[in-house]
């Protein structure tokens, strides 16, 4: 019953966001609100992490989990899409000289890490009476999903357009299966990680703000931080290596960012692959943004 309630709490705001009539002002508000909300959520995660007893003694273990999980989830997805590119070649047009001048910036990712650190410091000194209520993260999750739904609706993308992009659909299926396999391998390597937990952790697909909340609610702040940093590492990796893979492996380059291919890493995808690759990135990113929260909630609810 609890798993059903959690799934409704995730899907209902997304549905409401799609149903609300869109207009440019509301879309801009959602986009701006989403950026601020992410900072708030990351700060709250830092506060929750500061309340974990014996955290220092577990830092090495957390680092090991994050390292192995990121290698497996990024690696399996990348290898599967490289194979897909080899079997089903598709070449993006060579970017213009102006596009080649694009510089990769990881400032945004660093800012997100800093928010967690700030939250951790605040939580360390904050009196217990002033700590966020237990339901705060659930409320933040629902608001996050609502704003995402409004943003997706306001972008002018329809489900018909997304599903008609055959390569985008195929890519999302290949990527999802491959990354979940990585999650299963992760579970096999650690006795204290069930197969459902491995799949749940892998299902973030780069959506760090969402995965951190869902994993924290399901497994505690330690695993929430593992999910957070695993997905942040994907973002770092994607920003750096999208231009490297774009020429020979365009599908792999698009898929590197996972859920962020629809927003955060889209400018890098466009700059390195040209305008022709943008519809593919939008189709892939849109599907992954829909699939990710459903899989995370379902797998975490199973145990």
C-alpha atoms as a PDB file:
ATOM      1  CA  UNK A   1       0.000   0.000   0.000  1.00  0.00           C
ATOM      2  CA  UNK A   2       2.813   2.393   0.909  1.00  0.00           C
ATOM      3  CA  UNK A   3       4.522   1.742  -2.434  1.00  0.00           C
ATOM      4  CA  UNK A   4       1.280   2.592  -4.258  1.00  0.00           C
ATOM      5  CA  UNK A   5       0.957   5.836  -2.290  1.00  0.00           C
ATOM      6  CA  UNK A   6       4.562   6.771  -3.101  1.00  0.00           C
ATOM      7  CA  UNK A   7       4.018   6.051  -6.803  1.00  0.00           C
ATOM      8  CA  UNK A   8       0.902   8.245  -6.803  1.00  0.00           C
ATOM      9  CA  UNK A   9       2.820  11.029  -5.033  1.00  0.00           C
ATOM     10  CA  UNK A  10       5.382  10.927  -7.849  1.00  0.00           C
ATOM     11  CA  UNK A  11       3.069  10.531 -10.851  1.00  0.00           C
ATOM     12  CA  UNK A  12       0.218  12.815  -9.747  1.00  0.00           C
ATOM     13  CA  UNK A  13       2.242  16.071  -9.791  1.00  0.00           C
ATOM     14  CA  UNK A  14       3.718  15.094 -13.174  1.00  0.00           C
ATOM     15  CA  UNK A  15       0.210  14.517 -14.559  1.00  0.00           C
ATOM     16  CA  UNK A  16      -1.017  17.804 -13.078  1.00  0.00           C
ATOM     17  CA  UNK A  17       1.939  19.593 -14.664  1.00  0.00           C
ATOM     18  CA  UNK A  18       0.965  18.191 -18.068  1.00  0.00           C
ATOM     19  CA  UNK A  19      -2.714  19.069 -17.614  1.00  0.00           C
ATOM     20  CA  UNK A  20      -2.162  22.714 -16.581  1.00  0.00           C
ATOM     21  CA  UNK A  21      -2.564  24.948 -19.660  1.00  0.00           C
ATOM     22  CA  UNK A  22       0.873  26.177 -20.627  1.00  0.00           C
ATOM     23  CA  UNK A  23       1.947  29.726 -21.356  1.00  0.00           C
ATOM     24  CA  UNK A  24       5.420  31.253 -21.724  1.00  0.00           C
ATOM     25  CA  UNK A  25       5.270  33.073 -18.385  1.00  0.00           C
ATOM     26  CA  UNK A  26       4.338  29.906 -16.454  1.00  0.00           C
ATOM     27  CA  UNK A  27       7.047  27.895 -18.238  1.00  0.00           C
ATOM     28  CA  UNK A  28       9.698  30.506 -17.376  1.00  0.00           C
ATOM     29  CA  UNK A  29       8.483  30.520 -13.777  1.00  0.00           C
ATOM     30  CA  UNK A  30       8.708  26.703 -13.632  1.00  0.00           C
ATOM     31  CA  UNK A  31      12.218  26.673 -15.101  1.00  0.00           C
ATOM     32  CA  UNK A  32      13.447  29.364 -12.737  1.00  0.00           C
ATOM     33  CA  UNK A  33      11.683  27.810  -9.746  1.00  0.00           C
ATOM     34  CA  UNK A  34      13.159  24.420 -10.593  1.00  0.00           C
ATOM     35  CA  UNK A  35      16.704  25.763 -10.521  1.00  0.00           C
ATOM     36  CA  UNK A  36      16.178  27.307  -7.075  1.00  0.00           C
ATOM     37  CA  UNK A  37      14.326  24.246  -5.791  1.00  0.00           C
ATOM     38  CA  UNK A  38      17.238  21.991  -6.731  1.00  0.00           C
ATOM     39  CA  UNK A  39      19.558  24.106  -4.577  1.00  0.00           C
ATOM     40  CA  UNK A  40      17.103  23.891  -1.657  1.00  0.00           C
ATOM     41  CA  UNK A  41      16.763  20.118  -2.031  1.00  0.00           C
ATOM     42  CA  UNK A  42      20.525  19.601  -2.140  1.00  0.00           C
ATOM     43  CA  UNK A  43      20.929  21.744   0.975  1.00  0.00           C
ATOM     44  CA  UNK A  44      18.261  19.684   2.768  1.00  0.00           C
ATOM     45  CA  UNK A  45      20.060  16.488   1.734  1.00  0.00           C
ATOM     46  CA  UNK A  46      23.236  17.909   3.265  1.00  0.00           C
ATOM     47  CA  UNK A  47      21.329  18.631   6.492  1.00  0.00           C
ATOM     48  CA  UNK A  48      19.969  15.065   6.627  1.00  0.00           C
ATOM     49  CA  UNK A  49      23.429  13.677   5.956  1.00  0.00           C
ATOM     50  CA  UNK A  50      24.826  15.645   8.886  1.00  0.00           C
ATOM     51  CA  UNK A  51      22.427  13.817  11.213  1.00  0.00           C
ATOM     52  CA  UNK A  52      23.809  10.365  10.382  1.00  0.00           C
ATOM     53  CA  UNK A  53      25.650   8.914  13.356  1.00  0.00           C
ATOM     54  CA  UNK A  54      29.180   7.695  12.741  1.00  0.00           C
ATOM     55  CA  UNK A  55      29.288   9.270   9.283  1.00  0.00           C
ATOM     56  CA  UNK A  56      33.063   9.759   9.330  1.00  0.00           C
ATOM     57  CA  UNK A  57      33.647   6.051   9.770  1.00  0.00           C
ATOM     58  CA  UNK A  58      31.418   5.378   6.729  1.00  0.00           C
ATOM     59  CA  UNK A  59      32.971   7.905   4.326  1.00  0.00           C
ATOM     60  CA  UNK A  60      35.363   5.335   2.877  1.00  0.00           C
ATOM     61  CA  UNK A  61      32.502   2.916   2.316  1.00  0.00           C
ATOM     62  CA  UNK A  62      30.385   5.624   0.684  1.00  0.00           C
ATOM     63  CA  UNK A  63      33.274   6.543  -1.629  1.00  0.00           C
ATOM     64  CA  UNK A  64      33.665   2.886  -2.611  1.00  0.00           C
ATOM     65  CA  UNK A  65      29.944   2.514  -3.315  1.00  0.00           C
ATOM     66  CA  UNK A  66      29.864   5.692  -5.412  1.00  0.00           C
ATOM     67  CA  UNK A  67      32.990   4.746  -7.375  1.00  0.00           C
ATOM     68  CA  UNK A  68      31.822   1.221  -8.240  1.00  0.00           C
ATOM     69  CA  UNK A  69      28.223   2.254  -8.941  1.00  0.00           C
ATOM     70  CA  UNK A  70      29.234   5.128 -11.237  1.00  0.00           C
ATOM     71  CA  UNK A  71      31.701   2.940 -13.168  1.00  0.00           C
ATOM     72  CA  UNK A  72      29.058   0.260 -13.658  1.00  0.00           C
ATOM     73  CA  UNK A  73      26.083   2.484 -14.519  1.00  0.00           C
ATOM     74  CA  UNK A  74      27.985   4.869 -16.789  1.00  0.00           C
ATOM     75  CA  UNK A  75      30.063   2.065 -18.298  1.00  0.00           C
ATOM     76  CA  UNK A  76      27.208  -0.319 -19.138  1.00  0.00           C
ATOM     77  CA  UNK A  77      25.101   2.444 -20.667  1.00  0.00           C
ATOM     78  CA  UNK A  78      28.017   3.777 -22.697  1.00  0.00           C
ATOM     79  CA  UNK A  79      29.128   0.368 -23.989  1.00  0.00           C
ATOM     80  CA  UNK A  80      25.575  -0.638 -24.930  1.00  0.00           C
ATOM     81  CA  UNK A  81      24.995   2.583 -26.878  1.00  0.00           C
ATOM     82  CA  UNK A  82      28.388   2.293 -28.590  1.00  0.00           C
ATOM     83  CA  UNK A  83      27.360  -1.181 -29.742  1.00  0.00           C
ATOM     84  CA  UNK A  84      24.012   0.270 -30.838  1.00  0.00           C
ATOM     85  CA  UNK A  85      25.866   2.932 -32.860  1.00  0.00           C
ATOM     86  CA  UNK A  86      28.013   0.215 -34.440  1.00  0.00           C
ATOM     87  CA  UNK A  87      25.046  -1.970 -35.407  1.00  0.00           C
ATOM     88  CA  UNK A  88      22.762   0.937 -36.351  1.00  0.00           C
ATOM     89  CA  UNK A  89      25.062   3.718 -37.615  1.00  0.00           C
ATOM     90  CA  UNK A  90      23.717   7.264 -37.515  1.00  0.00           C
ATOM     91  CA  UNK A  91      25.998  10.221 -38.153  1.00  0.00           C
ATOM     92  CA  UNK A  92      25.380  13.700 -36.830  1.00  0.00           C
ATOM     93  CA  UNK A  93      26.389  16.575 -39.063  1.00  0.00           C
ATOM     94  CA  UNK A  94      29.776  18.086 -38.414  1.00  0.00           C
ATOM     95  CA  UNK A  95      29.369  21.107 -36.120  1.00  0.00           C
ATOM     96  CA  UNK A  96      30.207  24.558 -37.374  1.00  0.00           C
ATOM     97  CA  UNK A  97      33.415  26.340 -36.450  1.00  0.00           C
ATOM     98  CA  UNK A  98      31.453  28.465 -34.002  1.00  0.00           C
ATOM     99  CA  UNK A  99      30.104  25.360 -32.306  1.00  0.00           C
ATOM    100  CA  UNK A 100      33.581  23.914 -31.952  1.00  0.00           C
ATOM    101  CA  UNK A 101      34.546  26.897 -29.825  1.00  0.00           C
ATOM    102  CA  UNK A 102      32.163  25.783 -27.094  1.00  0.00           C
ATOM    103  CA  UNK A 103      33.776  25.356 -23.719  1.00  0.00           C
ATOM    104  CA  UNK A 104      32.575  22.771 -21.273  1.00  0.00           C
ATOM    105  CA  UNK A 105      31.646  24.257 -17.912  1.00  0.00           C
ATOM    106  CA  UNK A 106      31.305  22.193 -14.765  1.00  0.00           C
ATOM    107  CA  UNK A 107      30.547  25.249 -12.624  1.00  0.00           C
ATOM    108  CA  UNK A 108      26.910  24.185 -12.236  1.00  0.00           C
ATOM    109  CA  UNK A 109      27.887  20.741 -10.977  1.00  0.00           C
ATOM    110  CA  UNK A 110      30.360  22.229  -8.522  1.00  0.00           C
ATOM    111  CA  UNK A 111      27.641  24.570  -7.245  1.00  0.00           C
ATOM    112  CA  UNK A 112      25.422  21.568  -6.552  1.00  0.00           C
ATOM    113  CA  UNK A 113      28.146  19.870  -4.529  1.00  0.00           C
ATOM    114  CA  UNK A 114      28.717  23.099  -2.595  1.00  0.00           C
ATOM    115  CA  UNK A 115      24.990  23.186  -1.710  1.00  0.00           C
ATOM    116  CA  UNK A 116      25.297  19.743  -0.114  1.00  0.00           C
ATOM    117  CA  UNK A 117      28.364  20.865   1.842  1.00  0.00           C
ATOM    118  CA  UNK A 118      26.582  24.019   3.029  1.00  0.00           C
ATOM    119  CA  UNK A 119      23.600  21.937   4.130  1.00  0.00           C
ATOM    120  CA  UNK A 120      25.905  19.579   6.005  1.00  0.00           C
ATOM    121  CA  UNK A 121      27.512  22.495   7.885  1.00  0.00           C
ATOM    122  CA  UNK A 122      24.109  24.022   8.688  1.00  0.00           C
ATOM    123  CA  UNK A 123      22.794  20.681   9.932  1.00  0.00           C
ATOM    124  CA  UNK A 124      25.831  20.209  12.159  1.00  0.00           C
ATOM    125  CA  UNK A 125      25.153  23.440  14.067  1.00  0.00           C
ATOM    126  CA  UNK A 126      21.346  23.582  13.815  1.00  0.00           C
ATOM    127  CA  UNK A 127      19.473  22.757  17.051  1.00  0.00           C
ATOM    128  CA  UNK A 128      17.332  19.614  16.827  1.00  0.00           C
ATOM    129  CA  UNK A 129      14.143  21.646  17.277  1.00  0.00           C
ATOM    130  CA  UNK A 130      14.857  23.551  14.047  1.00  0.00           C
ATOM    131  CA  UNK A 131      15.644  20.551  11.840  1.00  0.00           C
ATOM    132  CA  UNK A 132      13.343  20.098   8.797  1.00  0.00           C
ATOM    133  CA  UNK A 133      10.224  18.013   9.397  1.00  0.00           C
ATOM    134  CA  UNK A 134      10.177  14.417   8.161  1.00  0.00           C
ATOM    135  CA  UNK A 135       7.649  15.263   5.442  1.00  0.00           C
ATOM    136  CA  UNK A 136       9.710  18.138   4.032  1.00  0.00           C
ATOM    137  CA  UNK A 137      11.531  15.997   1.481  1.00  0.00           C
ATOM    138  CA  UNK A 138       8.263  14.438   0.282  1.00  0.00           C
ATOM    139  CA  UNK A 139       6.794  17.889  -0.279  1.00  0.00           C
ATOM    140  CA  UNK A 140       9.953  18.966  -2.124  1.00  0.00           C
ATOM    141  CA  UNK A 141       9.734  15.828  -4.277  1.00  0.00           C
ATOM    142  CA  UNK A 142       6.148  16.550  -5.287  1.00  0.00           C
ATOM    143  CA  UNK A 143       6.942  20.178  -6.056  1.00  0.00           C
ATOM    144  CA  UNK A 144       9.995  19.134  -8.079  1.00  0.00           C
ATOM    145  CA  UNK A 145       7.960  16.694 -10.194  1.00  0.00           C
ATOM    146  CA  UNK A 146       5.185  19.287 -10.678  1.00  0.00           C
ATOM    147  CA  UNK A 147       7.643  21.886 -12.006  1.00  0.00           C
ATOM    148  CA  UNK A 148       9.232  19.293 -14.272  1.00  0.00           C
ATOM    149  CA  UNK A 149       5.787  18.426 -15.664  1.00  0.00           C
ATOM    150  CA  UNK A 150       5.007  22.119 -16.301  1.00  0.00           C
ATOM    151  CA  UNK A 151       8.404  22.548 -17.954  1.00  0.00           C
ATOM    152  CA  UNK A 152       7.944  19.528 -20.219  1.00  0.00           C
ATOM    153  CA  UNK A 153       4.441  20.670 -21.225  1.00  0.00           C
ATOM    154  CA  UNK A 154       5.625  24.229 -21.830  1.00  0.00           C
ATOM    155  CA  UNK A 155       8.515  23.086 -24.020  1.00  0.00           C
ATOM    156  CA  UNK A 156       6.018  22.284 -26.749  1.00  0.00           C
ATOM    157  CA  UNK A 157       7.074  18.638 -26.897  1.00  0.00           C
ATOM    158  CA  UNK A 158       4.222  16.198 -27.377  1.00  0.00           C
ATOM    159  CA  UNK A 159       4.294  12.498 -26.548  1.00  0.00           C
ATOM    160  CA  UNK A 160       3.472  11.819 -30.201  1.00  0.00           C
ATOM    161  CA  UNK A 161       6.582  13.661 -31.372  1.00  0.00           C
ATOM    162  CA  UNK A 162       8.722  11.862 -28.795  1.00  0.00           C
ATOM    163  CA  UNK A 163       7.430   8.394 -29.627  1.00  0.00           C
ATOM    164  CA  UNK A 164       7.675   8.980 -33.394  1.00  0.00           C
ATOM    165  CA  UNK A 165      11.442   9.432 -33.061  1.00  0.00           C
ATOM    166  CA  UNK A 166      12.207   5.758 -33.548  1.00  0.00           C
ATOM    167  CA  UNK A 167      15.914   6.051 -32.778  1.00  0.00           C
ATOM    168  CA  UNK A 168      15.213   8.008 -29.581  1.00  0.00           C
ATOM    169  CA  UNK A 169      12.840   5.277 -28.377  1.00  0.00           C
ATOM    170  CA  UNK A 170      15.312   2.512 -29.277  1.00  0.00           C
ATOM    171  CA  UNK A 171      18.128   4.368 -27.531  1.00  0.00           C
ATOM    172  CA  UNK A 172      16.111   4.817 -24.360  1.00  0.00           C
ATOM    173  CA  UNK A 173      15.293   1.089 -24.253  1.00  0.00           C
ATOM    174  CA  UNK A 174      18.922   0.054 -24.824  1.00  0.00           C
ATOM    175  CA  UNK A 175      20.188   2.587 -22.278  1.00  0.00           C
ATOM    176  CA  UNK A 176      17.634   1.670 -19.606  1.00  0.00           C
ATOM    177  CA  UNK A 177      18.245  -2.078 -19.840  1.00  0.00           C
ATOM    178  CA  UNK A 178      22.030  -1.689 -19.896  1.00  0.00           C
ATOM    179  CA  UNK A 179      22.167   0.649 -16.880  1.00  0.00           C
ATOM    180  CA  UNK A 180      19.843  -1.623 -14.904  1.00  0.00           C
ATOM    181  CA  UNK A 181      22.203  -4.505 -15.649  1.00  0.00           C
ATOM    182  CA  UNK A 182      24.937  -2.343 -14.127  1.00  0.00           C
ATOM    183  CA  UNK A 183      22.752  -1.961 -11.038  1.00  0.00           C
ATOM    184  CA  UNK A 184      22.332  -5.724 -10.782  1.00  0.00           C
ATOM    185  CA  UNK A 185      26.091  -6.258 -11.035  1.00  0.00           C
ATOM    186  CA  UNK A 186      26.549  -3.669  -8.274  1.00  0.00           C
ATOM    187  CA  UNK A 187      24.138  -5.642  -6.075  1.00  0.00           C
ATOM    188  CA  UNK A 188      26.075  -8.843  -6.756  1.00  0.00           C
ATOM    189  CA  UNK A 189      29.315  -7.232  -5.564  1.00  0.00           C
ATOM    190  CA  UNK A 190      28.020  -6.158  -2.142  1.00  0.00           C
ATOM    191  CA  UNK A 191      26.305  -8.444   0.371  1.00  0.00           C
ATOM    192  CA  UNK A 192      24.322  -5.608   1.968  1.00  0.00           C
ATOM    193  CA  UNK A 193      22.815  -4.496  -1.366  1.00  0.00           C
ATOM    194  CA  UNK A 194      19.715  -6.367  -2.533  1.00  0.00           C
ATOM    195  CA  UNK A 195      18.962  -6.683  -6.230  1.00  0.00           C
ATOM    196  CA  UNK A 196      16.024  -4.295  -5.841  1.00  0.00           C
ATOM    197  CA  UNK A 197      18.247  -1.697  -4.143  1.00  0.00           C
ATOM    198  CA  UNK A 198      20.834  -2.067  -6.909  1.00  0.00           C
ATOM    199  CA  UNK A 199      18.164  -1.505  -9.556  1.00  0.00           C
ATOM    200  CA  UNK A 200      16.695   1.447  -7.648  1.00  0.00           C
ATOM    201  CA  UNK A 201      20.095   3.140  -7.294  1.00  0.00           C
ATOM    202  CA  UNK A 202      20.824   2.620 -10.988  1.00  0.00           C
ATOM    203  CA  UNK A 203      17.447   4.072 -12.035  1.00  0.00           C
ATOM    204  CA  UNK A 204      18.431   7.658 -11.268  1.00  0.00           C
ATOM    205  CA  UNK A 205      19.869   7.911 -14.796  1.00  0.00           C
ATOM    206  CA  UNK A 206      21.592  11.193 -13.930  1.00  0.00           C
ATOM    207  CA  UNK A 207      18.575  12.866 -12.255  1.00  0.00           C
ATOM    208  CA  UNK A 208      20.491  13.578  -9.032  1.00  0.00           C
ATOM    209  CA  UNK A 209      17.918  15.752  -7.253  1.00  0.00           C
ATOM    210  CA  UNK A 210      15.162  13.163  -7.656  1.00  0.00           C
ATOM    211  CA  UNK A 211      17.280  10.080  -6.986  1.00  0.00           C
ATOM    212  CA  UNK A 212      18.732  11.615  -3.837  1.00  0.00           C
ATOM    213  CA  UNK A 213      15.260  12.264  -2.397  1.00  0.00           C
ATOM    214  CA  UNK A 214      13.764   8.879  -3.328  1.00  0.00           C
ATOM    215  CA  UNK A 215      16.797   6.901  -2.127  1.00  0.00           C
ATOM    216  CA  UNK A 216      17.001   8.897   1.112  1.00  0.00           C
ATOM    217  CA  UNK A 217      13.330   8.187   1.822  1.00  0.00           C
ATOM    218  CA  UNK A 218      13.718   4.507   0.951  1.00  0.00           C
ATOM    219  CA  UNK A 219      17.138   3.603   2.370  1.00  0.00           C
ATOM    220  CA  UNK A 220      18.373   6.534   4.481  1.00  0.00           C
ATOM    221  CA  UNK A 221      20.731   9.486   4.027  1.00  0.00           C
ATOM    222  CA  UNK A 222      23.805   7.317   3.337  1.00  0.00           C
ATOM    223  CA  UNK A 223      22.278   5.703   0.263  1.00  0.00           C
ATOM    224  CA  UNK A 224      20.675   8.995  -0.721  1.00  0.00           C
ATOM    225  CA  UNK A 225      24.167  10.522  -0.852  1.00  0.00           C
ATOM    226  CA  UNK A 226      25.444   7.534  -2.857  1.00  0.00           C
ATOM    227  CA  UNK A 227      22.671   8.081  -5.430  1.00  0.00           C
ATOM    228  CA  UNK A 228      23.307  11.826  -5.472  1.00  0.00           C
ATOM    229  CA  UNK A 229      27.034  11.622  -6.124  1.00  0.00           C
ATOM    230  CA  UNK A 230      26.636   8.747  -8.580  1.00  0.00           C
ATOM    231  CA  UNK A 231      24.335  10.877 -10.727  1.00  0.00           C
ATOM    232  CA  UNK A 232      26.485  14.002 -10.300  1.00  0.00           C
ATOM    233  CA  UNK A 233      29.483  12.028 -11.555  1.00  0.00           C
ATOM    234  CA  UNK A 234      27.445  11.094 -14.640  1.00  0.00           C
ATOM    235  CA  UNK A 235      26.846  14.804 -15.204  1.00  0.00           C
ATOM    236  CA  UNK A 236      30.575  15.610 -14.852  1.00  0.00           C
ATOM    237  CA  UNK A 237      31.489  12.748 -17.180  1.00  0.00           C
ATOM    238  CA  UNK A 238      28.892  13.731 -19.769  1.00  0.00           C
ATOM    239  CA  UNK A 239      29.950  17.380 -19.896  1.00  0.00           C
ATOM    240  CA  UNK A 240      33.549  16.387 -20.534  1.00  0.00           C
ATOM    241  CA  UNK A 241      33.110  13.441 -22.911  1.00  0.00           C
ATOM    242  CA  UNK A 242      30.045  14.299 -25.037  1.00  0.00           C
ATOM    243  CA  UNK A 243      32.221  16.182 -27.578  1.00  0.00           C
ATOM    244  CA  UNK A 244      34.713  13.277 -27.604  1.00  0.00           C
ATOM    245  CA  UNK A 245      32.131  10.628 -28.532  1.00  0.00           C
ATOM    246  CA  UNK A 246      29.877  12.730 -30.764  1.00  0.00           C
ATOM    247  CA  UNK A 247      31.646  12.259 -34.078  1.00  0.00           C
ATOM    248  CA  UNK A 248      31.887   8.445 -34.113  1.00  0.00           C
ATOM    249  CA  UNK A 249      29.257   7.508 -31.528  1.00  0.00           C
ATOM    250  CA  UNK A 250      26.467  10.138 -31.567  1.00  0.00           C
ATOM    251  CA  UNK A 251      23.939   7.945 -29.739  1.00  0.00           C
ATOM    252  CA  UNK A 252      26.491   7.256 -27.013  1.00  0.00           C
ATOM    253  CA  UNK A 253      27.241  10.961 -26.708  1.00  0.00           C
ATOM    254  CA  UNK A 254      23.553  11.816 -26.340  1.00  0.00           C
ATOM    255  CA  UNK A 255      22.983   8.987 -23.863  1.00  0.00           C
ATOM    256  CA  UNK A 256      25.912   9.903 -21.612  1.00  0.00           C
ATOM    257  CA  UNK A 257      23.875  12.540 -19.804  1.00  0.00           C
ATOM    258  CA  UNK A 258      20.885  10.258 -19.214  1.00  0.00           C
ATOM    259  CA  UNK A 259      17.964  12.339 -17.946  1.00  0.00           C
ATOM    260  CA  UNK A 260      20.002  15.560 -18.295  1.00  0.00           C
ATOM    261  CA  UNK A 261      20.103  15.148 -22.087  1.00  0.00           C
ATOM    262  CA  UNK A 262      16.804  17.022 -22.114  1.00  0.00           C
ATOM    263  CA  UNK A 263      18.115  20.058 -20.247  1.00  0.00           C
ATOM    264  CA  UNK A 264      21.499  20.477 -18.535  1.00  0.00           C
ATOM    265  CA  UNK A 265      23.702  18.714 -21.103  1.00  0.00           C
ATOM    266  CA  UNK A 266      21.550  19.636 -24.138  1.00  0.00           C
ATOM    267  CA  UNK A 267      23.611  22.767 -24.979  1.00  0.00           C
ATOM    268  CA  UNK A 268      26.794  20.666 -25.083  1.00  0.00           C
ATOM    269  CA  UNK A 269      25.040  18.073 -27.256  1.00  0.00           C
ATOM    270  CA  UNK A 270      23.884  20.790 -29.663  1.00  0.00           C
ATOM    271  CA  UNK A 271      27.269  22.489 -29.787  1.00  0.00           C
ATOM    272  CA  UNK A 272      29.186  19.284 -30.473  1.00  0.00           C
ATOM    273  CA  UNK A 273      26.654  17.528 -32.730  1.00  0.00           C
ATOM    274  CA  UNK A 274      24.763  20.341 -34.429  1.00  0.00           C
ATOM    275  CA  UNK A 275      21.026  21.006 -34.644  1.00  0.00           C
ATOM    276  CA  UNK A 276      20.278  17.654 -36.313  1.00  0.00           C
ATOM    277  CA  UNK A 277      21.044  15.754 -33.103  1.00  0.00           C
ATOM    278  CA  UNK A 278      18.777  17.907 -30.902  1.00  0.00           C
ATOM    279  CA  UNK A 279      15.472  16.086 -31.713  1.00  0.00           C
ATOM    280  CA  UNK A 280      17.167  12.793 -30.854  1.00  0.00           C
ATOM    281  CA  UNK A 281      18.416  14.181 -27.525  1.00  0.00           C
ATOM    282  CA  UNK A 282      14.985  15.606 -26.692  1.00  0.00           C
ATOM    283  CA  UNK A 283      13.198  12.325 -27.490  1.00  0.00           C
ATOM    284  CA  UNK A 284      15.691  10.252 -25.497  1.00  0.00           C
ATOM    285  CA  UNK A 285      15.823  12.681 -22.559  1.00  0.00           C
ATOM    286  CA  UNK A 286      12.047  13.033 -22.397  1.00  0.00           C
ATOM    287  CA  UNK A 287      11.494   9.266 -22.189  1.00  0.00           C
ATOM    288  CA  UNK A 288      14.225   8.818 -19.569  1.00  0.00           C
ATOM    289  CA  UNK A 289      12.696  11.644 -17.492  1.00  0.00           C
ATOM    290  CA  UNK A 290       9.388   9.768 -17.453  1.00  0.00           C
ATOM    291  CA  UNK A 291      10.852   6.299 -16.865  1.00  0.00           C
ATOM    292  CA  UNK A 292      13.344   7.222 -14.131  1.00  0.00           C
ATOM    293  CA  UNK A 293      10.963   8.220 -11.296  1.00  0.00           C
ATOM    294  CA  UNK A 294       8.659   5.270 -11.981  1.00  0.00           C
ATOM    295  CA  UNK A 295      11.483   2.712 -11.857  1.00  0.00           C
ATOM    296  CA  UNK A 296      13.066   4.266  -8.757  1.00  0.00           C
ATOM    297  CA  UNK A 297       9.807   4.206  -6.814  1.00  0.00           C
ATOM    298  CA  UNK A 298       8.837   0.706  -7.946  1.00  0.00           C
ATOM    299  CA  UNK A 299      12.238  -0.884  -7.212  1.00  0.00           C
ATOM    300  CA  UNK A 300      12.721   0.916  -3.884  1.00  0.00           C
ATOM    301  CA  UNK A 301       9.222  -0.158  -2.824  1.00  0.00           C
ATOM    302  CA  UNK A 302      10.037  -3.824  -3.494  1.00  0.00           C
ATOM    303  CA  UNK A 303      12.715  -3.870  -0.804  1.00  0.00           C
END
